Amino acid sequence: MAKTKTSAAVKNRYAAKAYDRIAIIVPKGHKATVQAAADAEGESINGYTNKALLARLGLEEWPGAE
């Protein structure tokens, strides 16, 4: 079944309520380095950078995460 604009809109509304967005800007050509590192761990760039942020903060999971 094809995704519709309605389902995308619903997902976007949920994401806006449940998540904060942070844009990360890296020098041109370095996104591929991050992507390769994430791929090597079997993760998305988002998952990889979230784990990196948690490690830098000295946390194992986000406070209040269920």
PDB file of N, CA and C in Angstrom:
ATOM      1  N   MET A   1       0.848  -1.180   0.000  1.00  0.00           N
ATOM      2  CA  MET A   1       0.000   0.000   0.000  1.00  0.00           C
ATOM      3  C   MET A   1       0.894   1.245   0.000  1.00  0.00           C
ATOM      4  N   ALA A   2       0.607   2.179  -0.867  1.00  0.00           N
ATOM      5  CA  ALA A   2       1.403   3.392  -0.984  1.00  0.00           C
ATOM      6  C   ALA A   2       1.099   4.347   0.163  1.00  0.00           C
ATOM      7  N   LYS A   3       2.121   5.074   0.572  1.00  0.00           N
ATOM      8  CA  LYS A   3       1.924   6.077   1.618  1.00  0.00           C
ATOM      9  C   LYS A   3       1.208   7.279   1.017  1.00  0.00           C
ATOM     10  N   THR A   4       0.334   7.853   1.795  1.00  0.00           N
ATOM     11  CA  THR A   4      -0.408   9.013   1.318  1.00  0.00           C
ATOM     12  C   THR A   4       0.105  10.270   2.006  1.00  0.00           C
ATOM     13  N   LYS A   5      -0.287  11.395   1.481  1.00  0.00           N
ATOM     14  CA  LYS A   5       0.076  12.662   2.107  1.00  0.00           C
ATOM     15  C   LYS A   5      -0.510  12.750   3.507  1.00  0.00           C
ATOM     16  N   THR A   6      -1.670  12.157   3.694  1.00  0.00           N
ATOM     17  CA  THR A   6      -2.305  12.192   5.008  1.00  0.00           C
ATOM     18  C   THR A   6      -1.448  11.478   6.036  1.00  0.00           C
ATOM     19  N   SER A   7      -0.951  10.289   5.708  1.00  0.00           N
ATOM     20  CA  SER A   7      -0.139   9.564   6.683  1.00  0.00           C
ATOM     21  C   SER A   7       1.161  10.310   6.968  1.00  0.00           C
ATOM     22  N   ALA A   8       1.739  10.940   5.966  1.00  0.00           N
ATOM     23  CA  ALA A   8       2.948  11.728   6.175  1.00  0.00           C
ATOM     24  C   ALA A   8       2.650  12.924   7.079  1.00  0.00           C
ATOM     25  N   ALA A   9       1.516  13.555   6.877  1.00  0.00           N
ATOM     26  CA  ALA A   9       1.139  14.703   7.692  1.00  0.00           C
ATOM     27  C   ALA A   9       0.929  14.281   9.147  1.00  0.00           C
ATOM     28  N   VAL A  10       0.313  13.133   9.345  1.00  0.00           N
ATOM     29  CA  VAL A  10       0.083  12.632  10.704  1.00  0.00           C
ATOM     30  C   VAL A  10       1.425  12.347  11.381  1.00  0.00           C
ATOM     31  N   LYS A  11       2.320  11.703  10.665  1.00  0.00           N
ATOM     32  CA  LYS A  11       3.649  11.404  11.223  1.00  0.00           C
ATOM     33  C   LYS A  11       4.409  12.684  11.553  1.00  0.00           C
ATOM     34  N   ASN A  12       4.311  13.675  10.687  1.00  0.00           N
ATOM     35  CA  ASN A  12       4.988  14.945  10.934  1.00  0.00           C
ATOM     36  C   ASN A  12       4.421  15.661  12.156  1.00  0.00           C
ATOM     37  N   ARG A  13       3.116  15.617  12.338  1.00  0.00           N
ATOM     38  CA  ARG A  13       2.511  16.235  13.524  1.00  0.00           C
ATOM     39  C   ARG A  13       2.967  15.527  14.792  1.00  0.00           C
ATOM     40  N   TYR A  14       2.999  14.202  14.755  1.00  0.00           N
ATOM     41  CA  TYR A  14       3.474  13.440  15.922  1.00  0.00           C
ATOM     42  C   TYR A  14       4.936  13.780  16.220  1.00  0.00           C
ATOM     43  N   ALA A  15       5.768  13.798  15.197  1.00  0.00           N
ATOM     44  CA  ALA A  15       7.189  14.099  15.386  1.00  0.00           C
ATOM     45  C   ALA A  15       7.375  15.492  15.988  1.00  0.00           C
ATOM     46  N   ALA A  16       6.573  16.454  15.552  1.00  0.00           N
ATOM     47  CA  ALA A  16       6.673  17.819  16.075  1.00  0.00           C
ATOM     48  C   ALA A  16       6.306  17.868  17.558  1.00  0.00           C
ATOM     49  N   LYS A  17       5.370  17.021  17.980  1.00  0.00           N
ATOM     50  CA  LYS A  17       4.964  16.987  19.387  1.00  0.00           C
ATOM     51  C   LYS A  17       5.955  16.209  20.247  1.00  0.00           C
ATOM     52  N   ALA A  18       6.529  15.149  19.699  1.00  0.00           N
ATOM     53  CA  ALA A  18       7.321  14.213  20.500  1.00  0.00           C
ATOM     54  C   ALA A  18       8.826  14.454  20.469  1.00  0.00           C
ATOM     55  N   TYR A  19       9.313  15.202  19.492  1.00  0.00           N
ATOM     56  CA  TYR A  19      10.760  15.349  19.324  1.00  0.00           C
ATOM     57  C   TYR A  19      11.164  16.804  19.120  1.00  0.00           C
ATOM     58  N   ASP A  20      12.378  17.116  19.537  1.00  0.00           N
ATOM     59  CA  ASP A  20      13.001  18.395  19.199  1.00  0.00           C
ATOM     60  C   ASP A  20      13.955  18.136  18.045  1.00  0.00           C
ATOM     61  N   ARG A  21      14.149  19.120  17.205  1.00  0.00           N
ATOM     62  CA  ARG A  21      15.077  18.987  16.082  1.00  0.00           C
ATOM     63  C   ARG A  21      16.344  19.788  16.367  1.00  0.00           C
ATOM     64  N   ILE A  22      17.470  19.187  16.017  1.00  0.00           N
ATOM     65  CA  ILE A  22      18.759  19.858  16.094  1.00  0.00           C
ATOM     66  C   ILE A  22      19.451  19.640  14.755  1.00  0.00           C
ATOM     67  N   ALA A  23      19.838  20.701  14.092  1.00  0.00           N
ATOM     68  CA  ALA A  23      20.552  20.577  12.822  1.00  0.00           C
ATOM     69  C   ALA A  23      22.051  20.537  13.118  1.00  0.00           C
ATOM     70  N   ILE A  24      22.716  19.558  12.552  1.00  0.00           N
ATOM     71  CA  ILE A  24      24.161  19.440  12.714  1.00  0.00           C
ATOM     72  C   ILE A  24      24.798  19.732  11.361  1.00  0.00           C
ATOM     73  N   ILE A  25      25.715  20.659  11.346  1.00  0.00           N
ATOM     74  CA  ILE A  25      26.371  21.052  10.108  1.00  0.00           C
ATOM     75  C   ILE A  25      27.837  20.641  10.195  1.00  0.00           C
ATOM     76  N   VAL A  26      28.281  19.873   9.192  1.00  0.00           N
ATOM     77  CA  VAL A  26      29.680  19.430   9.133  1.00  0.00           C
ATOM     78  C   VAL A  26      30.299  19.963   7.848  1.00  0.00           C
ATOM     79  N   PRO A  27      31.624  20.065   7.810  1.00  0.00           N
ATOM     80  CA  PRO A  27      32.275  20.547   6.585  1.00  0.00           C
ATOM     81  C   PRO A  27      31.913  19.673   5.381  1.00  0.00           C
ATOM     82  N   LYS A  28      31.858  20.293   4.220  1.00  0.00           N
ATOM     83  CA  LYS A  28      31.521  19.601   2.977  1.00  0.00           C
ATOM     84  C   LYS A  28      32.378  18.345   2.830  1.00  0.00           C
ATOM     85  N   GLY A  29      31.730  17.245   2.505  1.00  0.00           N
ATOM     86  CA  GLY A  29      32.425  15.983   2.296  1.00  0.00           C
ATOM     87  C   GLY A  29      32.525  15.110   3.532  1.00  0.00           C
ATOM     88  N   HIS A  30      32.234  15.655   4.710  1.00  0.00           N
ATOM     89  CA  HIS A  30      32.373  14.882   5.942  1.00  0.00           C
ATOM     90  C   HIS A  30      31.105  14.132   6.326  1.00  0.00           C
ATOM     91  N   LYS A  31      30.002  14.429   5.681  1.00  0.00           N
ATOM     92  CA  LYS A  31      28.789  13.663   5.938  1.00  0.00           C
ATOM     93  C   LYS A  31      29.029  12.193   5.581  1.00  0.00           C
ATOM     94  N   ALA A  32      29.779  11.962   4.515  1.00  0.00           N
ATOM     95  CA  ALA A  32      30.074  10.593   4.097  1.00  0.00           C
ATOM     96  C   ALA A  32      30.871   9.851   5.167  1.00  0.00           C
ATOM     97  N   THR A  33      31.738  10.559   5.883  1.00  0.00           N
ATOM     98  CA  THR A  33      32.511   9.951   6.966  1.00  0.00           C
ATOM     99  C   THR A  33      31.584   9.516   8.093  1.00  0.00           C
ATOM    100  N   VAL A  34      30.658  10.383   8.454  1.00  0.00           N
ATOM    101  CA  VAL A  34      29.692  10.067   9.511  1.00  0.00           C
ATOM    102  C   VAL A  34      28.781   8.926   9.053  1.00  0.00           C
ATOM    103  N   GLN A  35      28.328   8.979   7.805  1.00  0.00           N
ATOM    104  CA  GLN A  35      27.463   7.923   7.273  1.00  0.00           C
ATOM    105  C   GLN A  35      28.178   6.574   7.296  1.00  0.00           C
ATOM    106  N   ALA A  36      29.448   6.552   6.918  1.00  0.00           N
ATOM    107  CA  ALA A  36      30.215   5.305   6.917  1.00  0.00           C
ATOM    108  C   ALA A  36      30.367   4.751   8.337  1.00  0.00           C
ATOM    109  N   ALA A  37      30.605   5.624   9.300  1.00  0.00           N
ATOM    110  CA  ALA A  37      30.729   5.188  10.696  1.00  0.00           C
ATOM    111  C   ALA A  37      29.407   4.637  11.205  1.00  0.00           C
ATOM    112  N   ALA A  38      28.308   5.304  10.869  1.00  0.00           N
ATOM    113  CA  ALA A  38      26.980   4.830  11.270  1.00  0.00           C
ATOM    114  C   ALA A  38      26.672   3.489  10.613  1.00  0.00           C
ATOM    115  N   ASP A  39      26.979   3.374   9.328  1.00  0.00           N
ATOM    116  CA  ASP A  39      26.745   2.121   8.608  1.00  0.00           C
ATOM    117  C   ASP A  39      27.537   0.974   9.236  1.00  0.00           C
ATOM    118  N   ALA A  40      28.769   1.255   9.635  1.00  0.00           N
ATOM    119  CA  ALA A  40      29.618   0.229  10.245  1.00  0.00           C
ATOM    120  C   ALA A  40      29.023  -0.289  11.552  1.00  0.00           C
ATOM    121  N   GLU A  41      28.249   0.561  12.229  1.00  0.00           N
ATOM    122  CA  GLU A  41      27.595   0.168  13.482  1.00  0.00           C
ATOM    123  C   GLU A  41      26.174  -0.337  13.249  1.00  0.00           C
ATOM    124  N   GLY A  42      25.739  -0.326  11.982  1.00  0.00           N
ATOM    125  CA  GLY A  42      24.383  -0.772  11.661  1.00  0.00           C
ATOM    126  C   GLY A  42      23.325   0.206  12.125  1.00  0.00           C
ATOM    127  N   GLU A  43      23.665   1.491  12.128  1.00  0.00           N
ATOM    128  CA  GLU A  43      22.746   2.522  12.623  1.00  0.00           C
ATOM    129  C   GLU A  43      22.514   3.597  11.567  1.00  0.00           C
ATOM    130  N   SER A  44      21.475   4.383  11.796  1.00  0.00           N
ATOM    131  CA  SER A  44      21.248   5.571  10.984  1.00  0.00           C
ATOM    132  C   SER A  44      22.164   6.681  11.496  1.00  0.00           C
ATOM    133  N   ILE A  45      22.312   7.736  10.719  1.00  0.00           N
ATOM    134  CA  ILE A  45      23.088   8.885  11.189  1.00  0.00           C
ATOM    135  C   ILE A  45      22.450   9.444  12.456  1.00  0.00           C
ATOM    136  N   ASN A  46      21.130   9.511  12.498  1.00  0.00           N
ATOM    137  CA  ASN A  46      20.440  10.029  13.676  1.00  0.00           C
ATOM    138  C   ASN A  46      20.745   9.188  14.911  1.00  0.00           C
ATOM    139  N   GLY A  47      20.621   7.881  14.792  1.00  0.00           N
ATOM    140  CA  GLY A  47      20.912   6.994  15.914  1.00  0.00           C
ATOM    141  C   GLY A  47      22.361   7.089  16.358  1.00  0.00           C
ATOM    142  N   TYR A  48      23.251   7.164  15.388  1.00  0.00           N
ATOM    143  CA  TYR A  48      24.682   7.257  15.671  1.00  0.00           C
ATOM    144  C   TYR A  48      25.016   8.550  16.421  1.00  0.00           C
ATOM    145  N   THR A  49      24.473   9.661  15.942  1.00  0.00           N
ATOM    146  CA  THR A  49      24.778  10.939  16.588  1.00  0.00           C
ATOM    147  C   THR A  49      24.095  11.046  17.954  1.00  0.00           C
ATOM    148  N   ASN A  50      22.918  10.441  18.099  1.00  0.00           N
ATOM    149  CA  ASN A  50      22.277  10.420  19.415  1.00  0.00           C
ATOM    150  C   ASN A  50      23.157   9.683  20.425  1.00  0.00           C
ATOM    151  N   LYS A  51      23.703   8.530  20.025  1.00  0.00           N
ATOM    152  CA  LYS A  51      24.587   7.783  20.925  1.00  0.00           C
ATOM    153  C   LYS A  51      25.845   8.583  21.250  1.00  0.00           C
ATOM    154  N   ALA A  52      26.369   9.289  20.257  1.00  0.00           N
ATOM    155  CA  ALA A  52      27.554  10.116  20.486  1.00  0.00           C
ATOM    156  C   ALA A  52      27.243  11.246  21.473  1.00  0.00           C
ATOM    157  N   LEU A  53      26.088  11.870  21.329  1.00  0.00           N
ATOM    158  CA  LEU A  53      25.683  12.930  22.264  1.00  0.00           C
ATOM    159  C   LEU A  53      25.523  12.379  23.676  1.00  0.00           C
ATOM    160  N   LEU A  54      24.859  11.232  23.798  1.00  0.00           N
ATOM    161  CA  LEU A  54      24.689  10.624  25.118  1.00  0.00           C
ATOM    162  C   LEU A  54      26.036  10.319  25.764  1.00  0.00           C
ATOM    163  N   ALA A  55      26.961   9.763  24.977  1.00  0.00           N
ATOM    164  CA  ALA A  55      28.286   9.439  25.508  1.00  0.00           C
ATOM    165  C   ALA A  55      28.994  10.705  25.982  1.00  0.00           C
ATOM    166  N   ARG A  56      28.912  11.759  25.198  1.00  0.00           N
ATOM    167  CA  ARG A  56      29.575  13.029  25.555  1.00  0.00           C
ATOM    168  C   ARG A  56      28.955  13.641  26.810  1.00  0.00           C
ATOM    169  N   LEU A  57      27.650  13.421  26.994  1.00  0.00           N
ATOM    170  CA  LEU A  57      26.956  13.920  28.182  1.00  0.00           C
ATOM    171  C   LEU A  57      27.135  13.012  29.380  1.00  0.00           C
ATOM    172  N   GLY A  58      27.735  11.845  29.172  1.00  0.00           N
ATOM    173  CA  GLY A  58      27.938  10.905  30.264  1.00  0.00           C
ATOM    174  C   GLY A  58      26.663  10.185  30.663  1.00  0.00           C
ATOM    175  N   LEU A  59      25.749  10.029  29.705  1.00  0.00           N
ATOM    176  CA  LEU A  59      24.465   9.381  29.975  1.00  0.00           C
ATOM    177  C   LEU A  59      24.364   8.077  29.172  1.00  0.00           C
ATOM    178  N   GLU A  60      23.542   7.159  29.668  1.00  0.00           N
ATOM    179  CA  GLU A  60      23.282   5.926  28.914  1.00  0.00           C
ATOM    180  C   GLU A  60      21.982   6.040  28.134  1.00  0.00           C
ATOM    181  N   GLU A  61      21.062   6.876  28.606  1.00  0.00           N
ATOM    182  CA  GLU A  61      19.816   7.139  27.895  1.00  0.00           C
ATOM    183  C   GLU A  61      19.342   8.539  28.236  1.00  0.00           C
ATOM    184  N   TRP A  62      18.439   9.046  27.412  1.00  0.00           N
ATOM    185  CA  TRP A  62      17.914  10.388  27.631  1.00  0.00           C
ATOM    186  C   TRP A  62      17.049  10.403  28.889  1.00  0.00           C
ATOM    187  N   PRO A  63      17.214  11.407  29.737  1.00  0.00           N
ATOM    188  CA  PRO A  63      16.370  11.512  30.938  1.00  0.00           C
ATOM    189  C   PRO A  63      14.900  11.553  30.547  1.00  0.00           C
ATOM    190  N   GLY A  64      14.100  10.803  31.252  1.00  0.00           N
ATOM    191  CA  GLY A  64      12.672  10.774  30.979  1.00  0.00           C
ATOM    192  C   GLY A  64      12.280   9.873  29.830  1.00  0.00           C
ATOM    193  N   ALA A  65      13.267   9.209  29.206  1.00  0.00           N
ATOM    194  CA  ALA A  65      12.942   8.306  28.105  1.00  0.00           C
ATOM    195  C   ALA A  65      12.210   7.096  28.635  1.00  0.00           C
ATOM    196  N   GLU A  66      11.207   6.684  27.905  1.00  0.00           N
ATOM    197  CA  GLU A  66      10.411   5.521  28.347  1.00  0.00           C
ATOM    198  C   GLU A  66      10.816   4.292  27.599  1.00  0.00           C
TER     199      GLU A  66
END
